[in-house]
C-alpha cells in the first residue's frame, strides 16, 4: 500500500500510529462523504451485470423445484420430510436441506414474480463480490484486489442461477474472508462467526466447505502458531472454534442429515457421469477457468511469492475441486485469491510503491478509503433504481429448456391421464405446476440405481424404457425433442406422438384419445 493512500484498515503488522497517519486530513466535506469505495462499486457493478440478463438467472429447472418446495413449506409451516412432488417416490423420505433458501426464493416470487427472484439472486451475487473486494483490498491493496475480484466473478458467472447456492455466496465469502484474515493477523477467530455457519447450514450444503476450511486453518495454526502464541494456545482457540462450527451447523431442522446428504450425492456414480455441473470443466466452453489458472501461474513466476506449505495444499485442493467438478469453480474464484493474499500482498504493494504514481493509481487509492454512510446509502439507492424497471415490468417466462409450458397446457387440455414419464429437466416445472413428476432435481432422494435407469431410458435404451413405462403405469411422456427416448417412442408399439413443439414432445398410448 502506498504511503499516501489513506486507509482505516490496518495491514498485518501495521502500528496504530502509522495507521492514524494515513487517515485523510479532511474527511467531513460533502464530496468526501459521497465518494464510494471499491467494494461498493464492485458490488454494484456485479449486481447490474447480473440484472442485465435476468432470464439467464432463471435458466435452470431446479429454480422451479426450489420455489415449489418453498411454497409448500410456507403453506404447511413445516418441512416436507415425505416426498409430495413425484408419483414414483410418493411418501418416500426426503431431506429438504436447503429449506431456508427455498423459502426465500418462494417469498421473492410471491412478492414480485420472476423479477423478484432475479433481483434477489443478483443482489446476493453483488454482495458476495463486494465482500470479496473488501477482504482482498485489505491484504493486497485496492487495484490488485479489484482485478482479483473481477477474475473471481468470471468463474462464478456460469453457475449464477436462482438457486440456494447463490444465496449462500455472501456467507461463503464472509466466513472465508474473516477466518483467513484473522489467521493472517495471528488472531483467534471471532465467536460471532458461528452465527454465519448456522445460517449457512440452513441455506445450502456448501457450509461443509466452511467447516472444512475452519478445521484446516486450525491445523495450520498449530503447525505455525501466530506471534506470541504457543501451539497449545492455537490448538485451544482454533480447535474450539472448529468444534463450535460443527455444533452450530447442527442447528437445523434436519440435524445430522445436513452433513450426510451431501456425502450421498458425492457417492452417486450416475450423477457424476450425467449431470453437466458435476462433470470436469471443458476449457472450450469455459475459457475463464483456463485464463484464471494461467494468470495464477503467471503471478507465481513474476511475483516470486512463496506460499507456506499449508496454504499451497489448500490452494491445490481448490484447483483440484474446480477441475473435478465445474460447479466448484465458484470456490476457486472467490476463495482462492483470499488464500494466497497474505503471500502475494507484500510483493504487490512493494511493486506498486516502486512505480511512479499515475492518475489510475491515484484514483484506485482514493477509492480504497472506507466509504461513509452517505456513500453507502447512495450506492444502495442506485442499485434500487437499476432494479426498478425490472420490478415495474414483471418478467414473463416463455417456454425454454426448463419450461415446457405449452406442452403441459396441451396435455391438460387434451385430458392425458395417468402418471407421466418426464425428462429430469422438466421435473421442476411439473412440481411447480402441481403435476406429480417421474423424476426431478432431488437426485439424492431417488438414488443412484433409479437415476441410472432413468438416464439410460432417456438416452434411448429401448429395453430399460419399456420396463419403466410398464413398472410405473405411465400414461403419457414429456421429453425434450433431442432426447433419445423420443426416437424410441416414435417406433415403440402401442405408443404414438400426440404433441410436439420446439421445447417438448408428448407421447401417449395408442388407445389414449384424451378428452
Protein backbone atom coordinates (compact mmCIF):
# COMPACT_ATOMS: atom_id res chain seq x y z
CA UNK A 1 0.00 0.00 0.00
CA UNK A 2 1.36 3.41 -0.95
CA UNK A 3 2.22 5.70 1.99
CA UNK A 4 -0.02 8.44 0.60
CA UNK A 5 -3.02 6.13 0.39
CA UNK A 6 -5.38 6.90 3.29
CA UNK A 7 -6.94 3.88 4.89
CA UNK A 8 -8.66 2.95 8.11
CA UNK A 9 -7.97 -0.72 7.63
CA UNK A 10 -4.79 -1.96 9.32
CA UNK A 11 -2.48 -4.14 7.33
CA UNK A 12 -0.82 -7.09 9.09
CA UNK A 13 1.77 -5.70 11.47
CA UNK A 14 0.91 -2.02 10.85
CA UNK A 15 1.31 0.02 14.06
CA UNK A 16 -1.67 2.09 15.08
CA UNK A 17 0.31 5.34 14.96
CA UNK A 18 1.14 4.70 11.28
CA UNK A 19 -2.48 3.83 10.61
CA UNK A 20 -3.58 7.14 12.12
CA UNK A 21 -1.09 8.97 9.92
CA UNK A 22 -2.74 7.52 6.82
CA UNK A 23 -6.17 8.91 7.53
CA UNK A 24 -7.29 11.80 5.36
CA UNK A 25 -6.86 15.21 6.88
CA UNK A 26 -10.25 16.47 5.72
CA UNK A 27 -12.90 13.80 5.75
CA UNK A 28 -16.00 15.78 6.51
CA UNK A 29 -16.62 17.62 3.26
CA UNK A 30 -19.76 16.86 1.30
CA UNK A 31 -17.82 15.48 -1.67
CA UNK A 32 -15.80 13.16 0.56
CA UNK A 33 -18.87 11.76 2.27
CA UNK A 34 -20.38 10.70 -1.05
CA UNK A 35 -17.26 9.10 -2.54
CA UNK A 36 -17.86 5.32 -2.78
CA UNK A 37 -15.28 2.63 -2.09
CA UNK A 38 -14.13 -0.20 -4.32
CA UNK A 39 -16.22 -2.85 -2.51
CA UNK A 40 -19.35 -0.76 -3.03
CA UNK A 41 -18.56 -0.12 -6.69
CA UNK A 42 -17.69 -3.73 -7.50
CA UNK A 43 -20.79 -4.98 -5.69
CA UNK A 44 -22.95 -2.53 -7.64
CA UNK A 45 -21.33 -3.48 -10.96
CA UNK A 46 -21.83 -7.19 -10.24
CA UNK A 47 -25.47 -6.56 -9.31
CA UNK A 48 -26.17 -4.62 -12.50
CA UNK A 49 -24.25 -7.19 -14.58
CA UNK A 50 -26.45 -9.98 -13.24
CA UNK A 51 -29.64 -7.96 -13.82
CA UNK A 52 -28.59 -7.23 -17.41
CA UNK A 53 -29.58 -10.80 -18.31
CA UNK A 54 -32.34 -11.71 -15.85
CA UNK A 55 -33.56 -14.69 -17.87
CA UNK A 56 -30.10 -16.26 -17.66
CA UNK A 57 -30.52 -16.36 -13.87
CA UNK A 58 -33.64 -18.47 -14.32
CA UNK A 59 -32.23 -20.91 -16.87
CA UNK A 60 -32.33 -23.91 -14.57
CA UNK A 61 -35.12 -26.41 -13.87
CA UNK A 62 -34.28 -26.60 -10.18
CA UNK A 63 -35.41 -22.98 -9.72
CA UNK A 64 -38.98 -24.16 -10.26
CA UNK A 65 -38.46 -27.01 -7.81
CA UNK A 66 -36.99 -24.78 -5.10
CA UNK A 67 -39.88 -22.33 -5.37
CA UNK A 68 -42.39 -25.20 -5.24
CA UNK A 69 -40.70 -26.56 -2.12
CA UNK A 70 -40.60 -23.10 -0.53
CA UNK A 71 -44.31 -22.56 -1.21
CA UNK A 72 -45.09 -25.95 0.36
CA UNK A 73 -43.07 -25.05 3.47
CA UNK A 74 -44.79 -21.68 3.83
CA UNK A 75 -48.25 -23.16 3.26
CA UNK A 76 -47.77 -26.01 5.76
CA UNK A 77 -45.47 -24.19 8.22
CA UNK A 78 -43.25 -27.26 8.26
CA UNK A 79 -40.78 -29.23 6.17
CA UNK A 80 -41.87 -31.89 3.63
CA UNK A 81 -39.96 -34.86 5.02
CA UNK A 82 -42.14 -37.16 2.88
CA UNK A 83 -41.98 -36.52 -0.87
CA UNK A 84 -45.02 -34.54 -2.11
CA UNK A 85 -43.87 -33.88 -5.70
CA UNK A 86 -43.43 -37.20 -7.54
CA UNK A 87 -45.52 -40.29 -8.26
CA UNK A 88 -42.52 -42.64 -8.28
CA UNK A 89 -41.40 -41.74 -4.74
CA UNK A 90 -44.63 -40.53 -3.14
CA UNK A 91 -44.22 -40.56 0.63
CA UNK A 92 -40.53 -41.51 0.43
CA UNK A 93 -38.15 -39.90 2.89
CA UNK A 94 -36.86 -36.57 1.63
CA UNK A 95 -34.39 -34.34 3.46
CA UNK A 96 -35.02 -30.67 2.45
CA UNK A 97 -31.56 -29.44 3.42
CA UNK A 98 -31.91 -26.13 1.53
CA UNK A 99 -35.23 -25.24 3.09
CA UNK A 100 -34.37 -21.65 4.07
CA UNK A 101 -33.07 -20.78 0.60
CA UNK A 102 -36.23 -22.29 -0.87
CA UNK A 103 -38.43 -20.19 1.40
CA UNK A 104 -36.53 -17.03 0.40
CA UNK A 105 -36.95 -17.80 -3.31
CA UNK A 106 -40.64 -18.60 -2.82
CA UNK A 107 -41.21 -15.34 -0.93
CA UNK A 108 -39.38 -13.36 -3.62
CA UNK A 109 -41.58 -14.99 -6.26
CA UNK A 110 -44.74 -14.31 -4.25
CA UNK A 111 -43.75 -10.66 -3.81
CA UNK A 112 -42.61 -9.77 -7.34
CA UNK A 113 -42.79 -12.84 -9.56
CA UNK A 114 -39.77 -13.84 -11.59
CA UNK A 115 -38.47 -10.29 -11.40
CA UNK A 116 -38.23 -10.60 -7.62
CA UNK A 117 -36.37 -13.91 -7.90
CA UNK A 118 -33.90 -12.35 -10.35
CA UNK A 119 -33.31 -9.27 -8.15
CA UNK A 120 -32.68 -11.35 -5.01
CA UNK A 121 -30.24 -13.59 -6.90
CA UNK A 122 -28.40 -10.61 -8.41
CA UNK A 123 -28.25 -8.87 -5.03
CA UNK A 124 -26.61 -11.89 -3.38
CA UNK A 125 -24.08 -12.07 -6.21
CA UNK A 126 -23.30 -8.37 -5.90
CA UNK A 127 -22.95 -8.60 -2.13
CA UNK A 128 -20.57 -11.57 -2.45
CA UNK A 129 -18.35 -9.74 -4.95
CA UNK A 130 -18.36 -6.59 -2.82
CA UNK A 131 -17.28 -8.56 0.24
CA UNK A 132 -14.57 -10.35 -1.74
CA UNK A 133 -13.22 -6.98 -2.89
CA UNK A 134 -13.24 -5.69 0.68
CA UNK A 135 -11.22 -8.59 2.05
CA UNK A 136 -8.79 -8.59 -0.89
CA UNK A 137 -8.20 -4.84 -0.69
CA UNK A 138 -7.16 -5.26 2.93
CA UNK A 139 -4.43 -7.74 2.05
CA UNK A 140 -3.16 -6.88 -1.43
CA UNK A 141 -4.20 -3.21 -1.86
CA UNK A 142 -7.09 -1.87 -3.87
CA UNK A 143 -6.23 -2.23 -7.55
CA UNK A 144 -4.96 -5.84 -7.42
CA UNK A 145 -7.92 -6.69 -5.19
CA UNK A 146 -10.35 -5.30 -7.72
CA UNK A 147 -8.70 -7.27 -10.53
CA UNK A 148 -8.83 -10.46 -8.46
CA UNK A 149 -12.50 -9.89 -7.65
CA UNK A 150 -13.35 -9.44 -11.33
CA UNK A 151 -11.43 -12.62 -12.17
CA UNK A 152 -13.35 -14.48 -9.48
CA UNK A 153 -16.67 -13.23 -10.82
CA UNK A 154 -15.80 -14.70 -14.23
CA UNK A 155 -15.62 -18.15 -12.63
CA UNK A 156 -18.90 -17.67 -10.77
CA UNK A 157 -20.96 -16.31 -13.68
CA UNK A 158 -21.58 -19.66 -15.48
CA UNK A 159 -23.09 -21.02 -12.26
CA UNK A 160 -25.03 -17.85 -11.45
CA UNK A 161 -28.56 -19.24 -11.22
CA UNK A 162 -31.56 -18.59 -8.99
CA UNK A 163 -30.78 -21.38 -6.59
CA UNK A 164 -29.90 -21.53 -2.88
CA UNK A 165 -26.16 -21.84 -3.57
CA UNK A 166 -26.12 -18.24 -4.85
CA UNK A 167 -27.98 -17.03 -1.76
CA UNK A 168 -25.18 -18.59 0.30
CA UNK A 169 -22.33 -16.88 -1.61
CA UNK A 170 -22.17 -13.83 0.73
CA UNK A 171 -21.85 -16.23 3.67
CA UNK A 172 -19.12 -18.19 1.91
CA UNK A 173 -17.07 -15.03 1.29
CA UNK A 174 -17.71 -13.60 4.77
CA UNK A 175 -16.73 -16.83 6.51
CA UNK A 176 -13.62 -17.39 4.39
CA UNK A 177 -12.54 -13.75 4.43
CA UNK A 178 -12.82 -13.31 8.19
CA UNK A 179 -11.13 -16.62 9.03
CA UNK A 180 -8.24 -16.12 6.62
CA UNK A 181 -7.77 -12.51 7.74
CA UNK A 182 -7.74 -13.44 11.42
CA UNK A 183 -5.31 -16.25 10.73
CA UNK A 184 -3.07 -13.91 8.73
CA UNK A 185 -3.08 -11.40 11.59
CA UNK A 186 -2.31 -14.08 14.17
CA UNK A 187 -5.66 -13.59 15.91
CA UNK A 188 -8.30 -16.01 17.15
CA UNK A 189 -11.47 -16.47 15.11
CA UNK A 190 -14.42 -14.43 16.42
CA UNK A 191 -17.24 -16.29 18.14
CA UNK A 192 -19.92 -14.28 16.32
CA UNK A 193 -18.86 -16.01 13.12
CA UNK A 194 -20.59 -19.16 14.38
CA UNK A 195 -23.90 -17.45 13.61
CA UNK A 196 -22.82 -17.33 9.97
CA UNK A 197 -22.27 -21.09 9.76
CA UNK A 198 -25.60 -21.76 11.49
CA UNK A 199 -27.42 -19.64 8.91
CA UNK A 200 -25.36 -21.12 6.08
CA UNK A 201 -26.24 -24.69 7.11
CA UNK A 202 -29.92 -23.89 6.64
CA UNK A 203 -29.34 -22.31 3.23
CA UNK A 204 -27.12 -24.69 1.31
CA UNK A 205 -24.93 -27.76 1.72
CA UNK A 206 -21.81 -25.77 0.79
CA UNK A 207 -21.50 -24.99 4.51
CA UNK A 208 -19.44 -28.19 4.68
CA UNK A 209 -16.68 -26.34 2.85
CA UNK A 210 -16.79 -23.67 5.56
CA UNK A 211 -16.37 -26.25 8.30
CA UNK A 212 -13.56 -27.90 6.36
CA UNK A 213 -11.81 -24.54 6.00
CA UNK A 214 -12.10 -23.86 9.74
CA UNK A 215 -10.62 -27.27 10.51
CA UNK A 216 -7.82 -26.75 8.02
CA UNK A 217 -6.89 -23.37 9.48
CA UNK A 218 -6.93 -24.90 12.96
CA UNK A 219 -4.33 -27.42 11.82
CA UNK A 220 -2.34 -24.63 10.15
CA UNK A 221 -2.42 -22.58 13.35
CA UNK A 222 -0.96 -25.48 15.32
CA UNK A 223 1.59 -26.10 12.55
CA UNK A 224 2.72 -22.44 12.52
CA UNK A 225 1.49 -20.57 15.62
CA UNK A 226 0.93 -16.83 15.42
CA UNK A 227 3.32 -14.32 17.02
CA UNK A 228 3.47 -14.76 20.77
CA UNK A 229 1.25 -17.86 20.73
CA UNK A 230 2.14 -21.42 21.63
CA UNK A 231 0.86 -24.48 19.82
CA UNK A 232 -1.31 -25.26 22.84
CA UNK A 233 -2.89 -21.82 22.71
CA UNK A 234 -3.60 -22.06 18.98
CA UNK A 235 -4.97 -25.58 19.41
CA UNK A 236 -7.32 -24.34 22.11
CA UNK A 237 -8.69 -21.26 20.37
CA UNK A 238 -8.81 -22.55 16.78
CA UNK A 239 -9.71 -26.12 17.74
CA UNK A 240 -12.57 -24.94 19.92
CA UNK A 241 -13.83 -22.74 17.11
CA UNK A 242 -13.71 -25.64 14.61
CA UNK A 243 -15.69 -27.83 17.01
CA UNK A 244 -18.09 -24.96 17.67
CA UNK A 245 -18.69 -24.56 13.94
CA UNK A 246 -19.77 -28.21 13.74
CA UNK A 247 -22.16 -27.73 16.67
CA UNK A 248 -23.55 -24.52 15.16
CA UNK A 249 -24.11 -26.26 11.81
CA UNK A 250 -26.27 -28.85 13.57
CA UNK A 251 -28.78 -26.11 14.44
CA UNK A 252 -31.08 -27.05 11.57
CA UNK A 253 -34.41 -28.88 11.42
CA UNK A 254 -32.64 -31.85 9.82
CA UNK A 255 -29.73 -32.14 12.26
CA UNK A 256 -27.00 -34.62 11.31
CA UNK A 257 -28.65 -35.24 7.93
CA UNK A 258 -27.30 -31.86 6.80
CA UNK A 259 -23.84 -33.46 6.93
CA UNK A 260 -24.80 -36.83 5.45
CA UNK A 261 -26.88 -35.76 2.46
CA UNK A 262 -24.04 -34.05 0.51
CA UNK A 263 -21.92 -37.14 1.06
CA UNK A 264 -24.61 -39.28 -0.51
CA UNK A 265 -24.54 -37.08 -3.59
CA UNK A 266 -20.78 -37.47 -3.86
CA UNK A 267 -21.23 -41.25 -3.77
CA UNK A 268 -23.57 -41.42 -6.81
CA UNK A 269 -21.66 -42.50 -9.95
CA UNK A 270 -24.67 -41.90 -12.22
CA UNK A 271 -24.87 -38.30 -11.01
CA UNK A 272 -21.16 -37.70 -11.51
CA UNK A 273 -21.33 -39.05 -15.06
CA UNK A 274 -24.53 -37.48 -16.39
CA UNK A 275 -25.10 -34.00 -14.88
CA UNK A 276 -23.17 -31.17 -16.51
CA UNK A 277 -22.35 -29.29 -13.31
CA UNK A 278 -20.79 -32.44 -11.85
CA UNK A 279 -18.56 -33.06 -14.88
CA UNK A 280 -14.98 -31.79 -15.29
CA UNK A 281 -14.82 -28.38 -17.00
CA UNK A 282 -14.45 -28.05 -20.74
CA UNK A 283 -11.96 -25.25 -21.36
CA UNK A 284 -13.51 -24.60 -24.79
CA UNK A 285 -16.88 -23.85 -23.20
CA UNK A 286 -15.43 -22.39 -20.01
CA UNK A 287 -12.34 -20.39 -21.07
CA UNK A 288 -12.48 -18.21 -17.94
CA UNK A 289 -11.19 -21.09 -15.83
CA UNK A 290 -8.23 -21.67 -18.15
CA UNK A 291 -7.39 -17.95 -18.11
CA UNK A 292 -7.68 -17.88 -14.32
CA UNK A 293 -5.25 -20.79 -13.96
CA UNK A 294 -2.81 -19.27 -16.46
CA UNK A 295 -2.97 -15.99 -14.56
CA UNK A 296 -2.22 -17.83 -11.33
CA UNK A 297 0.88 -19.41 -12.91
CA UNK A 298 1.98 -16.02 -14.26
CA UNK A 299 1.65 -14.39 -10.83
CA UNK A 300 3.58 -17.22 -9.21
CA UNK A 301 6.54 -16.73 -11.54
CA UNK A 302 6.56 -12.94 -11.83
CA UNK A 303 5.96 -12.07 -8.19
CA UNK A 304 8.19 -14.84 -6.87
CA UNK A 305 5.98 -15.08 -3.82
CA UNK A 306 6.34 -18.16 -1.63
CA UNK A 307 3.32 -19.93 -0.18
CA UNK A 308 3.65 -21.73 3.12
CA UNK A 309 3.06 -25.46 2.72
CA UNK A 310 -0.43 -25.47 4.29
CA UNK A 311 -1.62 -22.62 2.04
CA UNK A 312 -0.16 -24.37 -1.02
CA UNK A 313 -2.08 -27.52 -0.08
CA UNK A 314 -5.28 -25.51 0.35
CA UNK A 315 -4.85 -23.75 -3.00
CA UNK A 316 -4.14 -27.03 -4.79
CA UNK A 317 -7.24 -28.53 -3.17
CA UNK A 318 -9.36 -25.69 -4.58
CA UNK A 319 -7.82 -26.13 -8.03
CA UNK A 320 -8.48 -29.87 -7.87
CA UNK A 321 -12.11 -29.33 -6.92
CA UNK A 322 -12.60 -26.90 -9.82
CA UNK A 323 -11.00 -29.33 -12.28
CA UNK A 324 -13.00 -32.29 -10.94
CA UNK A 325 -16.44 -30.63 -10.99
CA UNK A 326 -17.24 -27.43 -12.86
CA UNK A 327 -19.68 -26.39 -10.11
CA UNK A 328 -16.73 -25.86 -7.75
CA UNK A 329 -15.14 -23.15 -9.87
CA UNK A 330 -17.06 -20.68 -7.66
CA UNK A 331 -14.94 -21.71 -4.68
CA UNK A 332 -11.69 -21.27 -6.58
CA UNK A 333 -12.70 -17.86 -7.92
CA UNK A 334 -14.00 -16.38 -4.67
CA UNK A 335 -11.87 -18.09 -2.02
CA UNK A 336 -8.66 -18.84 -3.96
CA UNK A 337 -7.45 -15.20 -4.03
CA UNK A 338 -8.08 -14.89 -0.29
CA UNK A 339 -5.96 -17.99 0.35
CA UNK A 340 -2.87 -16.52 -1.34
CA UNK A 341 -3.44 -12.85 -0.48
CA UNK A 342 -1.09 -12.77 2.53
CA UNK A 343 1.73 -14.27 0.47
CA UNK A 344 1.47 -12.05 -2.61
CA UNK A 345 0.16 -8.93 -0.90
CA UNK A 346 3.50 -7.55 0.34
CA UNK A 347 5.11 -8.23 -3.06
CA UNK A 348 2.36 -6.42 -4.96
CA UNK A 349 2.35 -3.50 -2.54
CA UNK A 350 6.13 -3.11 -2.84
CA UNK A 351 5.93 -3.14 -6.63
CA UNK A 352 3.16 -0.55 -6.68
CA UNK A 353 5.17 1.65 -4.30
CA UNK A 354 8.18 1.41 -6.62
CA UNK A 355 6.45 2.81 -9.69
CA UNK A 356 5.56 6.41 -10.37
CA UNK A 357 2.11 7.38 -9.21
CA UNK A 358 -0.14 7.56 -12.24
CA UNK A 359 -3.68 9.03 -12.39
CA UNK A 360 -5.02 5.48 -12.43
CA UNK A 361 -3.19 4.56 -9.23
CA UNK A 362 -4.25 7.80 -7.56
CA UNK A 363 -7.86 7.04 -8.49
CA UNK A 364 -7.54 3.46 -7.22
CA UNK A 365 -6.06 4.61 -3.94
CA UNK A 366 -8.70 7.28 -3.49
CA UNK A 367 -11.42 4.65 -3.75
CA UNK A 368 -9.51 2.41 -1.38
CA UNK A 369 -10.53 4.53 1.58
CA UNK A 370 -13.54 3.25 3.52
CA UNK A 371 -16.83 4.71 2.34
CA UNK A 372 -19.01 6.76 4.64
CA UNK A 373 -22.68 6.10 5.25
CA UNK A 374 -23.93 8.69 2.74
CA UNK A 375 -21.92 6.92 0.02
CA UNK A 376 -23.24 3.51 1.12
CA UNK A 377 -26.83 4.75 1.01
CA UNK A 378 -26.23 6.38 -2.38
CA UNK A 379 -24.93 3.13 -3.88
CA UNK A 380 -27.83 1.15 -2.41
CA UNK A 381 -30.26 3.70 -3.83
CA UNK A 382 -28.59 3.49 -7.24
CA UNK A 383 -28.95 -0.28 -7.12
CA UNK A 384 -32.64 0.11 -6.32
CA UNK A 385 -33.05 2.46 -9.26
CA UNK A 386 -31.30 -0.06 -11.52
CA UNK A 387 -33.70 -2.80 -10.40
CA UNK A 388 -36.85 -0.69 -10.67
CA UNK A 389 -37.53 -1.23 -14.40
CA UNK A 390 -37.43 -4.98 -13.92
CA UNK A 391 -39.72 -4.82 -10.89
CA UNK A 392 -42.15 -2.38 -12.51
CA UNK A 393 -42.47 -4.52 -15.64
CA UNK A 394 -42.65 -8.10 -14.30
CA UNK A 395 -40.59 -10.68 -16.13
CA UNK A 396 -42.76 -13.17 -18.02
CA UNK A 397 -41.22 -16.56 -18.68
CA UNK A 398 -41.68 -18.06 -22.11
CA UNK A 399 -41.09 -21.69 -22.99
CA UNK A 400 -37.42 -22.62 -22.66
CA UNK A 401 -35.36 -25.72 -21.94
CA UNK A 402 -36.73 -25.82 -18.38
CA UNK A 403 -40.25 -24.56 -19.14
CA UNK A 404 -42.49 -26.85 -21.22
CA UNK A 405 -45.47 -24.59 -20.56
CA UNK A 406 -47.30 -25.05 -23.87
CA UNK A 407 -46.82 -28.82 -23.77
CA UNK A 408 -48.18 -29.17 -20.24
CA UNK A 409 -51.12 -26.91 -21.11
CA UNK A 410 -51.85 -29.07 -24.17
CA UNK A 411 -51.69 -32.23 -22.05
CA UNK A 412 -54.22 -30.81 -19.61
CA UNK A 413 -56.49 -29.60 -22.36
CA UNK A 414 -56.37 -32.97 -24.07
CA UNK A 415 -57.01 -34.81 -20.82
CA UNK A 416 -53.95 -37.04 -20.92
CA UNK A 417 -54.30 -39.12 -17.77
CA UNK A 418 -52.06 -41.32 -15.70
CA UNK A 419 -48.53 -40.97 -14.40
CA UNK A 420 -46.04 -39.10 -16.58
CA UNK A 421 -42.57 -40.16 -17.70
CA UNK A 422 -40.61 -36.92 -17.97
CA UNK A 423 -37.07 -35.81 -18.61
CA UNK A 424 -35.26 -34.71 -15.47
CA UNK A 425 -35.01 -31.16 -16.85
CA UNK A 426 -38.81 -30.88 -16.82
CA UNK A 427 -39.32 -32.24 -13.30
CA UNK A 428 -39.00 -28.87 -11.59
CA UNK A 429 -41.66 -27.26 -13.79
CA UNK A 430 -44.05 -30.16 -13.17
CA UNK A 431 -43.65 -29.75 -9.41
CA UNK A 432 -44.17 -26.00 -9.79
CA UNK A 433 -47.43 -26.52 -11.70
CA UNK A 434 -48.77 -29.27 -9.44
CA UNK A 435 -48.16 -32.28 -11.71
CA UNK A 436 -46.59 -35.29 -10.00
CA UNK A 437 -43.33 -35.98 -11.81
CA UNK A 438 -41.42 -39.14 -12.63
CA UNK A 439 -38.12 -37.54 -11.60
CA UNK A 440 -36.82 -34.08 -10.72
CA UNK A 441 -33.67 -32.48 -9.32
CA UNK A 442 -33.78 -34.14 -5.89
CA UNK A 443 -31.39 -36.82 -7.08
CA UNK A 444 -30.24 -37.85 -3.60
CA UNK A 445 -33.81 -38.97 -2.83
CA UNK A 446 -34.21 -41.07 -5.96
CA UNK A 447 -30.92 -42.87 -5.50
CA UNK A 448 -28.18 -43.93 -7.89
CA UNK A 449 -29.91 -47.02 -9.31
CA UNK A 450 -33.12 -45.15 -10.15
CA UNK A 451 -31.14 -42.31 -11.72
CA UNK A 452 -29.01 -44.70 -13.78
CA UNK A 453 -32.13 -46.42 -15.15
CA UNK A 454 -33.79 -43.11 -15.99
CA UNK A 455 -30.67 -41.76 -17.70
CA UNK A 456 -30.40 -44.91 -19.79
CA UNK A 457 -34.08 -44.75 -20.77
CA UNK A 458 -33.98 -41.03 -21.58
CA UNK A 459 -30.87 -41.53 -23.70
CA UNK A 460 -32.66 -44.15 -25.80
CA UNK A 461 -32.22 -47.58 -24.21
CA UNK A 462 -35.42 -49.20 -25.54
CA UNK A 463 -35.36 -52.13 -23.13
CA UNK A 464 -34.98 -50.01 -19.99
CA UNK A 465 -37.56 -47.51 -21.25
CA UNK A 466 -40.16 -50.23 -21.86
CA UNK A 467 -39.55 -51.65 -18.38
CA UNK A 468 -40.01 -48.25 -16.70
CA UNK A 469 -43.16 -47.43 -18.68
CA UNK A 470 -44.72 -50.71 -17.59
CA UNK A 471 -43.43 -50.67 -14.00
CA UNK A 472 -44.89 -47.25 -13.20
CA UNK A 473 -48.04 -47.47 -15.37
CA UNK A 474 -47.03 -44.42 -17.40
CA UNK A 475 -49.95 -42.73 -19.18
CA UNK A 476 -48.01 -40.08 -21.10
CA UNK A 477 -44.46 -38.85 -21.62
CA UNK A 478 -42.92 -35.38 -21.62
CA UNK A 479 -39.45 -35.25 -23.16
CA UNK A 480 -37.14 -32.83 -24.95
CA UNK A 481 -37.12 -33.31 -28.76
CA UNK A 482 -33.43 -34.25 -28.75
CA UNK A 483 -33.95 -36.97 -26.15
CA UNK A 484 -33.10 -40.46 -27.37
CA UNK A 485 -36.31 -41.76 -25.80
CA UNK A 486 -38.37 -39.69 -28.26
CA UNK A 487 -37.00 -41.63 -31.24
CA UNK A 488 -37.62 -44.91 -29.40
CA UNK A 489 -41.23 -43.98 -28.58
CA UNK A 490 -41.85 -42.97 -32.19
CA UNK A 491 -41.36 -46.60 -33.22
CA UNK A 492 -42.40 -48.36 -29.99
CA UNK A 493 -45.50 -50.50 -30.49
CA UNK A 494 -48.52 -49.15 -28.63
CA UNK A 495 -47.35 -45.53 -28.44
CA UNK A 496 -47.98 -42.51 -30.63
CA UNK A 497 -46.76 -38.91 -30.77
CA UNK A 498 -49.60 -36.67 -29.57
CA UNK A 499 -47.93 -33.26 -29.31
CA UNK A 500 -44.69 -31.55 -30.25
CA UNK A 501 -43.12 -28.11 -30.20
CA UNK A 502 -39.58 -26.74 -30.04
CA UNK A 503 -39.31 -27.48 -26.31
CA UNK A 504 -41.13 -30.74 -25.63
CA UNK A 505 -42.70 -33.81 -27.23
CA UNK A 506 -45.60 -35.79 -25.75
CA UNK A 507 -46.32 -39.44 -26.45
CA UNK A 508 -49.39 -41.34 -25.26
CA UNK A 509 -50.57 -44.93 -25.61
CA UNK A 510 -52.32 -45.60 -28.93
CA UNK A 511 -55.64 -46.30 -27.22
CA UNK A 512 -55.47 -42.97 -25.32
CA UNK A 513 -57.55 -40.29 -27.03
CA UNK A 514 -57.81 -37.78 -24.20
CA UNK A 515 -60.99 -35.76 -23.97
